[in-house]
Amino acid sequence: MHATLLGILGLALLGALHAQDDVPVQTDFQQDKLTGRWYGIGLASNSNWFKDKKHVMKMCTTVISGTADGNLEVTSTYPKYGHGEGW
């Protein structure tokens, strides 16, 4: 569970870094340890929408990959309930 929380916080940090291009990269950062496929096994929210839908939500996947210009690309996929059925 701690690993999932750290993963979510790491993704939030990546989003903040994208917004600020002049932020230096951590000196011992190992990109190969971060890139790849990640599985979101836990989400939390107090929104009414989330409370109404959490019983039908499925595991999301996130793929982190390096780009040619040295940045990281993050793509998250959240499957819909019933394989294509709307919510």
PDB file of N, CA and C in Angstrom:
ATOM      1  N   MET A   1       0.825  -1.183   0.000  1.00  0.00           N
ATOM      2  CA  MET A   1       0.000   0.000   0.000  1.00  0.00           C
ATOM      3  C   MET A   1       0.871   1.248   0.000  1.00  0.00           C
ATOM      4  N   HIS A   2       1.973   1.207   0.737  1.00  0.00           N
ATOM      5  CA  HIS A   2       2.876   2.356   0.757  1.00  0.00           C
ATOM      6  C   HIS A   2       3.471   2.596  -0.625  1.00  0.00           C
ATOM      7  N   ALA A   3       3.751   1.509  -1.360  1.00  0.00           N
ATOM      8  CA  ALA A   3       4.314   1.650  -2.699  1.00  0.00           C
ATOM      9  C   ALA A   3       3.324   2.344  -3.628  1.00  0.00           C
ATOM     10  N   THR A   4       2.043   2.046  -3.485  1.00  0.00           N
ATOM     11  CA  THR A   4       1.028   2.683  -4.321  1.00  0.00           C
ATOM     12  C   THR A   4       0.942   4.166  -4.011  1.00  0.00           C
ATOM     13  N   LEU A   5       0.949   4.493  -2.736  1.00  0.00           N
ATOM     14  CA  LEU A   5       0.896   5.893  -2.334  1.00  0.00           C
ATOM     15  C   LEU A   5       2.110   6.644  -2.856  1.00  0.00           C
ATOM     16  N   LEU A   6       3.280   6.036  -2.749  1.00  0.00           N
ATOM     17  CA  LEU A   6       4.487   6.674  -3.275  1.00  0.00           C
ATOM     18  C   LEU A   6       4.414   6.837  -4.783  1.00  0.00           C
ATOM     19  N   GLY A   7       3.836   5.860  -5.464  1.00  0.00           N
ATOM     20  CA  GLY A   7       3.667   5.958  -6.917  1.00  0.00           C
ATOM     21  C   GLY A   7       2.761   7.115  -7.299  1.00  0.00           C
ATOM     22  N   ILE A   8       1.655   7.260  -6.580  1.00  0.00           N
ATOM     23  CA  ILE A   8       0.720   8.355  -6.859  1.00  0.00           C
ATOM     24  C   ILE A   8       1.383   9.697  -6.584  1.00  0.00           C
ATOM     25  N   LEU A   9       2.108   9.780  -5.474  1.00  0.00           N
ATOM     26  CA  LEU A   9       2.812  11.022  -5.163  1.00  0.00           C
ATOM     27  C   LEU A   9       3.882  11.313  -6.207  1.00  0.00           C
ATOM     28  N   GLY A  10       4.548  10.270  -6.683  1.00  0.00           N
ATOM     29  CA  GLY A  10       5.559  10.452  -7.725  1.00  0.00           C
ATOM     30  C   GLY A  10       4.953  10.990  -9.006  1.00  0.00           C
ATOM     31  N   LEU A  11       3.781  10.478  -9.371  1.00  0.00           N
ATOM     32  CA  LEU A  11       3.106  10.972 -10.577  1.00  0.00           C
ATOM     33  C   LEU A  11       2.677  12.424 -10.403  1.00  0.00           C
ATOM     34  N   ALA A  12       2.227  12.771  -9.209  1.00  0.00           N
ATOM     35  CA  ALA A  12       1.868  14.167  -8.949  1.00  0.00           C
ATOM     36  C   ALA A  12       3.103  15.061  -9.077  1.00  0.00           C
ATOM     37  N   LEU A  13       4.225  14.576  -8.581  1.00  0.00           N
ATOM     38  CA  LEU A  13       5.469  15.330  -8.691  1.00  0.00           C
ATOM     39  C   LEU A  13       5.877  15.496 -10.146  1.00  0.00           C
ATOM     40  N   LEU A  14       5.710  14.451 -10.938  1.00  0.00           N
ATOM     41  CA  LEU A  14       6.032  14.553 -12.364  1.00  0.00           C
ATOM     42  C   LEU A  14       5.176  15.620 -13.047  1.00  0.00           C
ATOM     43  N   GLY A  15       3.917  15.692 -12.679  1.00  0.00           N
ATOM     44  CA  GLY A  15       3.047  16.724 -13.242  1.00  0.00           C
ATOM     45  C   GLY A  15       3.509  18.112 -12.848  1.00  0.00           C
ATOM     46  N   ALA A  16       3.950  18.270 -11.611  1.00  0.00           N
ATOM     47  CA  ALA A  16       4.461  19.565 -11.166  1.00  0.00           C
ATOM     48  C   ALA A  16       5.759  19.911 -11.871  1.00  0.00           C
ATOM     49  N   LEU A  17       6.608  18.924 -12.096  1.00  0.00           N
ATOM     50  CA  LEU A  17       7.865  19.175 -12.794  1.00  0.00           C
ATOM     51  C   LEU A  17       7.623  19.598 -14.234  1.00  0.00           C
ATOM     52  N   HIS A  18       6.610  19.025 -14.860  1.00  0.00           N
ATOM     53  CA  HIS A  18       6.287  19.402 -16.238  1.00  0.00           C
ATOM     54  C   HIS A  18       5.871  20.872 -16.301  1.00  0.00           C
ATOM     55  N   ALA A  19       5.182  21.332 -15.280  1.00  0.00           N
ATOM     56  CA  ALA A  19       4.715  22.712 -15.266  1.00  0.00           C
ATOM     57  C   ALA A  19       5.863  23.697 -15.027  1.00  0.00           C
ATOM     58  N   GLN A  20       6.976  23.227 -14.481  1.00  0.00           N
ATOM     59  CA  GLN A  20       8.119  24.088 -14.184  1.00  0.00           C
ATOM     60  C   GLN A  20       9.354  23.485 -14.849  1.00  0.00           C
ATOM     61  N   ASP A  21       9.646  23.913 -16.064  1.00  0.00           N
ATOM     62  CA  ASP A  21      10.726  23.318 -16.839  1.00  0.00           C
ATOM     63  C   ASP A  21      12.113  23.520 -16.248  1.00  0.00           C
ATOM     64  N   ASP A  22      12.317  24.529 -15.423  1.00  0.00           N
ATOM     65  CA  ASP A  22      13.653  24.819 -14.915  1.00  0.00           C
ATOM     66  C   ASP A  22      13.965  24.144 -13.579  1.00  0.00           C
ATOM     67  N   VAL A  23      13.154  23.186 -13.163  1.00  0.00           N
ATOM     68  CA  VAL A  23      13.401  22.453 -11.925  1.00  0.00           C
ATOM     69  C   VAL A  23      14.450  21.372 -12.199  1.00  0.00           C
ATOM     70  N   PRO A  24      15.554  21.358 -11.445  1.00  0.00           N
ATOM     71  CA  PRO A  24      16.594  20.353 -11.708  1.00  0.00           C
ATOM     72  C   PRO A  24      16.145  18.947 -11.319  1.00  0.00           C
ATOM     73  N   VAL A  25      16.673  17.967 -12.031  1.00  0.00           N
ATOM     74  CA  VAL A  25      16.375  16.567 -11.740  1.00  0.00           C
ATOM     75  C   VAL A  25      17.226  16.131 -10.547  1.00  0.00           C
ATOM     76  N   GLN A  26      16.657  15.300  -9.706  1.00  0.00           N
ATOM     77  CA  GLN A  26      17.378  14.765  -8.549  1.00  0.00           C
ATOM     78  C   GLN A  26      18.685  14.126  -9.008  1.00  0.00           C
ATOM     79  N   THR A  27      19.772  14.362  -8.287  1.00  0.00           N
ATOM     80  CA  THR A  27      21.102  13.917  -8.729  1.00  0.00           C
ATOM     81  C   THR A  27      21.197  12.402  -8.893  1.00  0.00           C
ATOM     82  N   ASP A  28      20.550  11.613  -8.053  1.00  0.00           N
ATOM     83  CA  ASP A  28      20.646  10.155  -8.153  1.00  0.00           C
ATOM     84  C   ASP A  28      19.405   9.521  -8.800  1.00  0.00           C
ATOM     85  N   PHE A  29      18.649  10.336  -9.567  1.00  0.00           N
ATOM     86  CA  PHE A  29      17.441   9.845 -10.227  1.00  0.00           C
ATOM     87  C   PHE A  29      17.781   8.750 -11.228  1.00  0.00           C
ATOM     88  N   GLN A  30      17.083   7.624 -11.137  1.00  0.00           N
ATOM     89  CA  GLN A  30      17.295   6.497 -12.039  1.00  0.00           C
ATOM     90  C   GLN A  30      16.017   6.292 -12.850  1.00  0.00           C
ATOM     91  N   GLN A  31      15.999   6.847 -14.052  1.00  0.00           N
ATOM     92  CA  GLN A  31      14.802   6.818 -14.884  1.00  0.00           C
ATOM     93  C   GLN A  31      14.326   5.404 -15.153  1.00  0.00           C
ATOM     94  N   ASP A  32      15.249   4.463 -15.306  1.00  0.00           N
ATOM     95  CA  ASP A  32      14.852   3.083 -15.597  1.00  0.00           C
ATOM     96  C   ASP A  32      14.075   2.451 -14.449  1.00  0.00           C
ATOM     97  N   LYS A  33      14.195   2.988 -13.239  1.00  0.00           N
ATOM     98  CA  LYS A  33      13.438   2.468 -12.090  1.00  0.00           C
ATOM     99  C   LYS A  33      12.005   2.997 -12.073  1.00  0.00           C
ATOM    100  N   LEU A  34      11.748   4.075 -12.827  1.00  0.00           N
ATOM    101  CA  LEU A  34      10.427   4.690 -12.842  1.00  0.00           C
ATOM    102  C   LEU A  34       9.634   4.340 -14.100  1.00  0.00           C
ATOM    103  N   THR A  35      10.321   4.197 -15.217  1.00  0.00           N
ATOM    104  CA  THR A  35       9.609   3.944 -16.472  1.00  0.00           C
ATOM    105  C   THR A  35       9.039   2.526 -16.493  1.00  0.00           C
ATOM    106  N   GLY A  36       7.974   2.381 -17.256  1.00  0.00           N
ATOM    107  CA  GLY A  36       7.314   1.090 -17.378  1.00  0.00           C
ATOM    108  C   GLY A  36       5.832   1.196 -17.077  1.00  0.00           C
ATOM    109  N   ARG A  37       5.206   0.049 -16.850  1.00  0.00           N
ATOM    110  CA  ARG A  37       3.770  -0.018 -16.562  1.00  0.00           C
ATOM    111  C   ARG A  37       3.548  -0.084 -15.056  1.00  0.00           C
ATOM    112  N   TRP A  38       2.645   0.755 -14.572  1.00  0.00           N
ATOM    113  CA  TRP A  38       2.281   0.803 -13.161  1.00  0.00           C
ATOM    114  C   TRP A  38       0.786   0.528 -13.046  1.00  0.00           C
ATOM    115  N   TYR A  39       0.385  -0.111 -11.963  1.00  0.00           N
ATOM    116  CA  TYR A  39      -1.018  -0.441 -11.726  1.00  0.00           C
ATOM    117  C   TYR A  39      -1.509   0.296 -10.488  1.00  0.00           C
ATOM    118  N   GLY A  40      -2.568   1.065 -10.662  1.00  0.00           N
ATOM    119  CA  GLY A  40      -3.171   1.779  -9.536  1.00  0.00           C
ATOM    120  C   GLY A  40      -4.108   0.853  -8.788  1.00  0.00           C
ATOM    121  N   ILE A  41      -3.708   0.419  -7.617  1.00  0.00           N
ATOM    122  CA  ILE A  41      -4.536  -0.533  -6.879  1.00  0.00           C
ATOM    123  C   ILE A  41      -5.346   0.135  -5.784  1.00  0.00           C
ATOM    124  N   GLY A  42      -5.169   1.429  -5.607  1.00  0.00           N
ATOM    125  CA  GLY A  42      -5.942   2.116  -4.589  1.00  0.00           C
ATOM    126  C   GLY A  42      -6.169   3.568  -4.961  1.00  0.00           C
ATOM    127  N   LEU A  43      -7.392   4.018  -4.808  1.00  0.00           N
ATOM    128  CA  LEU A  43      -7.749   5.409  -5.028  1.00  0.00           C
ATOM    129  C   LEU A  43      -8.580   5.864  -3.847  1.00  0.00           C
ATOM    130  N   ALA A  44      -8.534   7.142  -3.556  1.00  0.00           N
ATOM    131  CA  ALA A  44      -9.329   7.675  -2.459  1.00  0.00           C
ATOM    132  C   ALA A  44      -9.883   9.033  -2.854  1.00  0.00           C
ATOM    133  N   SER A  45     -11.102   9.295  -2.442  1.00  0.00           N
ATOM    134  CA  SER A  45     -11.734  10.576  -2.715  1.00  0.00           C
ATOM    135  C   SER A  45     -12.950  10.715  -1.822  1.00  0.00           C
ATOM    136  N   ASN A  46     -13.336  11.942  -1.570  1.00  0.00           N
ATOM    137  CA  ASN A  46     -14.573  12.168  -0.823  1.00  0.00           C
ATOM    138  C   ASN A  46     -15.648  12.778  -1.729  1.00  0.00           C
ATOM    139  N   SER A  47     -15.414  12.755  -3.049  1.00  0.00           N
ATOM    140  CA  SER A  47     -16.404  13.318  -3.972  1.00  0.00           C
ATOM    141  C   SER A  47     -17.613  12.391  -4.082  1.00  0.00           C
ATOM    142  N   ASN A  48     -18.760  12.968  -4.304  1.00  0.00           N
ATOM    143  CA  ASN A  48     -19.989  12.179  -4.445  1.00  0.00           C
ATOM    144  C   ASN A  48     -19.911  11.258  -5.648  1.00  0.00           C
ATOM    145  N   TRP A  49     -19.319  11.743  -6.764  1.00  0.00           N
ATOM    146  CA  TRP A  49     -19.188  10.921  -7.952  1.00  0.00           C
ATOM    147  C   TRP A  49     -18.394   9.659  -7.638  1.00  0.00           C
ATOM    148  N   PHE A  50     -17.266   9.815  -6.954  1.00  0.00           N
ATOM    149  CA  PHE A  50     -16.425   8.676  -6.626  1.00  0.00           C
ATOM    150  C   PHE A  50     -17.160   7.709  -5.706  1.00  0.00           C
ATOM    151  N   LYS A  51     -17.836   8.216  -4.711  1.00  0.00           N
ATOM    152  CA  LYS A  51     -18.573   7.352  -3.781  1.00  0.00           C
ATOM    153  C   LYS A  51     -19.648   6.545  -4.502  1.00  0.00           C
ATOM    154  N   ASP A  52     -20.293   7.156  -5.490  1.00  0.00           N
ATOM    155  CA  ASP A  52     -21.345   6.464  -6.239  1.00  0.00           C
ATOM    156  C   ASP A  52     -20.798   5.410  -7.197  1.00  0.00           C
ATOM    157  N   LYS A  53     -19.568   5.589  -7.686  1.00  0.00           N
ATOM    158  CA  LYS A  53     -19.010   4.713  -8.720  1.00  0.00           C
ATOM    159  C   LYS A  53     -17.941   3.747  -8.236  1.00  0.00           C
ATOM    160  N   LYS A  54     -17.458   3.884  -7.019  1.00  0.00           N
ATOM    161  CA  LYS A  54     -16.307   3.089  -6.586  1.00  0.00           C
ATOM    162  C   LYS A  54     -16.555   1.584  -6.620  1.00  0.00           C
ATOM    163  N   HIS A  55     -17.785   1.145  -6.468  1.00  0.00           N
ATOM    164  CA  HIS A  55     -18.070  -0.292  -6.479  1.00  0.00           C
ATOM    165  C   HIS A  55     -17.937  -0.909  -7.872  1.00  0.00           C
ATOM    166  N   VAL A  56     -17.926  -0.101  -8.925  1.00  0.00           N
ATOM    167  CA  VAL A  56     -17.796  -0.635 -10.285  1.00  0.00           C
ATOM    168  C   VAL A  56     -16.464  -0.261 -10.938  1.00  0.00           C
ATOM    169  N   MET A  57     -15.620   0.462 -10.228  1.00  0.00           N
ATOM    170  CA  MET A  57     -14.352   0.885 -10.808  1.00  0.00           C
ATOM    171  C   MET A  57     -13.378  -0.282 -10.891  1.00  0.00           C
ATOM    172  N   LYS A  58     -12.538  -0.242 -11.924  1.00  0.00           N
ATOM    173  CA  LYS A  58     -11.532  -1.272 -12.136  1.00  0.00           C
ATOM    174  C   LYS A  58     -10.151  -0.653 -11.986  1.00  0.00           C
ATOM    175  N   MET A  59      -9.148  -1.496 -11.915  1.00  0.00           N
ATOM    176  CA  MET A  59      -7.773  -1.044 -11.749  1.00  0.00           C
ATOM    177  C   MET A  59      -7.323  -0.224 -12.955  1.00  0.00           C
ATOM    178  N   CYS A  60      -6.717   0.928 -12.698  1.00  0.00           N
ATOM    179  CA  CYS A  60      -6.185   1.732 -13.789  1.00  0.00           C
ATOM    180  C   CYS A  60      -4.725   1.350 -14.035  1.00  0.00           C
ATOM    181  N   THR A  61      -4.261   1.630 -15.235  1.00  0.00           N
ATOM    182  CA  THR A  61      -2.857   1.400 -15.560  1.00  0.00           C
ATOM    183  C   THR A  61      -2.238   2.721 -15.998  1.00  0.00           C
ATOM    184  N   THR A  62      -0.977   2.886 -15.687  1.00  0.00           N
ATOM    185  CA  THR A  62      -0.217   4.066 -16.079  1.00  0.00           C
ATOM    186  C   THR A  62       1.083   3.596 -16.704  1.00  0.00           C
ATOM    187  N   VAL A  63       1.403   4.155 -17.860  1.00  0.00           N
ATOM    188  CA  VAL A  63       2.651   3.833 -18.539  1.00  0.00           C
ATOM    189  C   VAL A  63       3.509   5.087 -18.545  1.00  0.00           C
ATOM    190  N   ILE A  64       4.730   4.965 -18.032  1.00  0.00           N
ATOM    191  CA  ILE A  64       5.689   6.065 -17.999  1.00  0.00           C
ATOM    192  C   ILE A  64       6.826   5.695 -18.940  1.00  0.00           C
ATOM    193  N   SER A  65       7.106   6.572 -19.903  1.00  0.00           N
ATOM    194  CA  SER A  65       8.171   6.300 -20.869  1.00  0.00           C
ATOM    195  C   SER A  65       8.984   7.567 -21.118  1.00  0.00           C
ATOM    196  N   GLY A  66      10.226   7.355 -21.508  1.00  0.00           N
ATOM    197  CA  GLY A  66      11.100   8.467 -21.844  1.00  0.00           C
ATOM    198  C   GLY A  66      10.851   8.941 -23.265  1.00  0.00           C
ATOM    199  N   THR A  67      11.017  10.240 -23.502  1.00  0.00           N
ATOM    200  CA  THR A  67      10.853  10.804 -24.836  1.00  0.00           C
ATOM    201  C   THR A  67      12.230  11.106 -25.428  1.00  0.00           C
ATOM    202  N   ALA A  68      12.263  11.368 -26.712  1.00  0.00           N
ATOM    203  CA  ALA A  68      13.526  11.642 -27.400  1.00  0.00           C
ATOM    204  C   ALA A  68      14.220  12.891 -26.864  1.00  0.00           C
ATOM    205  N   ASP A  69      13.438  13.838 -26.357  1.00  0.00           N
ATOM    206  CA  ASP A  69      14.043  15.078 -25.855  1.00  0.00           C
ATOM    207  C   ASP A  69      14.383  15.019 -24.363  1.00  0.00           C
ATOM    208  N   GLY A  70      14.310  13.831 -23.776  1.00  0.00           N
ATOM    209  CA  GLY A  70      14.723  13.657 -22.382  1.00  0.00           C
ATOM    210  C   GLY A  70      13.639  13.855 -21.346  1.00  0.00           C
ATOM    211  N   ASN A  71      12.420  14.084 -21.770  1.00  0.00           N
ATOM    212  CA  ASN A  71      11.309  14.234 -20.839  1.00  0.00           C
ATOM    213  C   ASN A  71      10.671  12.876 -20.569  1.00  0.00           C
ATOM    214  N   LEU A  72       9.694  12.864 -19.682  1.00  0.00           N
ATOM    215  CA  LEU A  72       8.925  11.656 -19.411  1.00  0.00           C
ATOM    216  C   LEU A  72       7.492  11.868 -19.858  1.00  0.00           C
ATOM    217  N   GLU A  73       6.930  10.847 -20.478  1.00  0.00           N
ATOM    218  CA  GLU A  73       5.538  10.880 -20.899  1.00  0.00           C
ATOM    219  C   GLU A  73       4.751   9.936 -19.996  1.00  0.00           C
ATOM    220  N   VAL A  74       3.638  10.409 -19.456  1.00  0.00           N
ATOM    221  CA  VAL A  74       2.807   9.630 -18.547  1.00  0.00           C
ATOM    222  C   VAL A  74       1.420   9.483 -19.159  1.00  0.00           C
ATOM    223  N   THR A  75       0.977   8.224 -19.350  1.00  0.00           N
ATOM    224  CA  THR A  75      -0.340   7.949 -19.907  1.00  0.00           C
ATOM    225  C   THR A  75      -1.094   7.036 -18.952  1.00  0.00           C
ATOM    226  N   SER A  76      -2.236   7.510 -18.453  1.00  0.00           N
ATOM    227  CA  SER A  76      -3.059   6.707 -17.545  1.00  0.00           C
ATOM    228  C   SER A  76      -4.333   6.287 -18.249  1.00  0.00           C
ATOM    229  N   THR A  77      -4.754   5.043 -18.014  1.00  0.00           N
ATOM    230  CA  THR A  77      -5.955   4.492 -18.618  1.00  0.00           C
ATOM    231  C   THR A  77      -6.877   3.995 -17.513  1.00  0.00           C
ATOM    232  N   TYR A  78      -8.121   4.443 -17.559  1.00  0.00           N
ATOM    233  CA  TYR A  78      -9.122   4.030 -16.581  1.00  0.00           C
ATOM    234  C   TYR A  78     -10.230   3.299 -17.324  1.00  0.00           C
ATOM    235  N   PRO A  79     -10.295   1.956 -17.202  1.00  0.00           N
ATOM    236  CA  PRO A  79     -11.323   1.201 -17.929  1.00  0.00           C
ATOM    237  C   PRO A  79     -12.723   1.563 -17.457  1.00  0.00           C
ATOM    238  N   LYS A  80     -13.641   1.595 -18.381  1.00  0.00           N
ATOM    239  CA  LYS A  80     -15.040   1.872 -18.040  1.00  0.00           C
ATOM    240  C   LYS A  80     -15.726   0.595 -17.590  1.00  0.00           C
ATOM    241  N   TYR A  81     -16.754   0.756 -16.809  1.00  0.00           N
ATOM    242  CA  TYR A  81     -17.544  -0.356 -16.311  1.00  0.00           C
ATOM    243  C   TYR A  81     -18.200  -1.103 -17.470  1.00  0.00           C
ATOM    244  N   GLY A  82     -18.156  -2.406 -17.449  1.00  0.00           N
ATOM    245  CA  GLY A  82     -18.846  -3.228 -18.428  1.00  0.00           C
ATOM    246  C   GLY A  82     -18.207  -3.252 -19.807  1.00  0.00           C
ATOM    247  N   HIS A  83     -16.901  -3.034 -19.888  1.00  0.00           N
ATOM    248  CA  HIS A  83     -16.169  -3.104 -21.162  1.00  0.00           C
ATOM    249  C   HIS A  83     -16.798  -2.229 -22.238  1.00  0.00           C
ATOM    250  N   GLY A  84     -16.840  -0.957 -22.003  1.00  0.00           N
ATOM    251  CA  GLY A  84     -17.335  -0.041 -23.021  1.00  0.00           C
ATOM    252  C   GLY A  84     -18.671   0.576 -22.697  1.00  0.00           C
ATOM    253  N   GLU A  85     -19.363   0.036 -21.696  1.00  0.00           N
ATOM    254  CA  GLU A  85     -20.643   0.632 -21.303  1.00  0.00           C
ATOM    255  C   GLU A  85     -20.374   1.949 -20.586  1.00  0.00           C
ATOM    256  N   GLY A  86     -21.215   2.896 -20.767  1.00  0.00           N
ATOM    257  CA  GLY A  86     -21.074   4.176 -20.085  1.00  0.00           C
ATOM    258  C   GLY A  86     -21.385   4.068 -18.603  1.00  0.00           C
ATOM    259  N   TRP A  87     -21.045   5.103 -17.871  1.00  0.00           N
ATOM    260  CA  TRP A  87     -21.327   5.129 -16.436  1.00  0.00           C
ATOM    261  C   TRP A  87     -22.617   5.844 -16.265  1.00  0.00           C
TER     262      TRP A  87
END
